Amino acid sequence: MSCEHLICARCSGPVVEGRCPTCRIARDEMHRHGPSVPPALVLAGLVALFFVALVLQRVAG
């Protein structure tokens, strides 16, 4: 769904133009794209990578 064909109920203008605060909020919500990977998962991956590097350093040294 896109905001190109939506009409604002408050100002009767196209939402894509963002004429009023309601239009701008609706447009921003339609185009908001969050990260596809949850931040907790990224952090867990970094911690795991750190421990693997630590183990490899101990084994090699």
Protein backbone atom coordinates (compact mmCIF):
# COMPACT_ATOMS: atom_id res chain seq x y z
CA MET A 1 0.00 0.00 0.00
CA SER A 2 1.29 3.45 -0.81
CA CYS A 3 0.18 6.93 0.15
CA GLU A 4 0.06 8.18 -3.46
CA HIS A 5 -3.69 7.63 -3.76
CA LEU A 6 -4.75 8.40 -0.18
CA ILE A 7 -6.71 11.56 0.60
CA CYS A 8 -6.43 13.15 4.04
CA ALA A 9 -9.71 13.40 5.95
CA ARG A 10 -8.50 16.51 7.72
CA CYS A 11 -7.34 18.76 4.87
CA SER A 12 -8.74 16.85 1.83
CA GLY A 13 -5.34 16.94 0.17
CA PRO A 14 -3.22 14.05 -1.08
CA VAL A 15 -1.35 12.44 1.81
CA VAL A 16 1.80 12.22 -0.31
CA GLU A 17 2.01 16.05 -0.33
CA GLY A 18 1.93 16.29 3.48
CA ARG A 19 -0.07 19.51 3.67
CA CYS A 20 -1.08 19.15 7.33
CA PRO A 21 0.43 17.41 10.39
CA THR A 22 -1.97 14.49 9.98
CA CYS A 23 -0.80 13.95 6.39
CA ARG A 24 2.85 14.10 7.40
CA ILE A 25 2.37 11.58 10.22
CA ALA A 26 0.47 9.17 7.94
CA ARG A 27 3.09 9.54 5.20
CA ASP A 28 5.95 8.92 7.65
CA GLU A 29 4.24 5.82 9.05
CA MET A 30 3.67 4.43 5.57
CA HIS A 31 7.32 4.89 4.61
CA ARG A 32 8.92 3.84 7.87
CA HIS A 33 11.15 0.82 7.40
CA GLY A 34 12.74 -0.50 10.55
CA PRO A 35 15.70 -2.80 10.72
CA SER A 36 14.99 -6.27 9.43
CA VAL A 37 17.08 -7.89 12.18
CA PRO A 38 16.17 -7.20 15.82
CA PRO A 39 18.90 -5.31 17.68
CA ALA A 40 19.02 -7.99 20.39
CA LEU A 41 19.91 -10.59 17.76
CA VAL A 42 22.71 -8.40 16.40
CA LEU A 43 24.07 -7.91 19.90
CA ALA A 44 23.94 -11.65 20.62
CA GLY A 45 25.82 -12.31 17.38
CA LEU A 46 28.51 -9.81 18.27
CA VAL A 47 28.94 -11.31 21.75
CA ALA A 48 29.19 -14.81 20.25
CA LEU A 49 31.75 -13.59 17.71
CA PHE A 50 33.77 -11.98 20.50
CA PHE A 51 33.87 -15.23 22.49
CA VAL A 52 34.84 -17.26 19.43
CA ALA A 53 37.70 -14.84 18.76
CA LEU A 54 38.74 -15.05 22.41
CA VAL A 55 38.78 -18.87 22.33
CA LEU A 56 40.75 -18.94 19.09
CA GLN A 57 43.29 -16.52 20.52
CA ARG A 58 43.76 -18.71 23.62
CA VAL A 59 44.14 -21.87 21.52
CA ALA A 60 46.61 -20.29 19.07
CA GLY A 61 48.67 -18.57 21.78
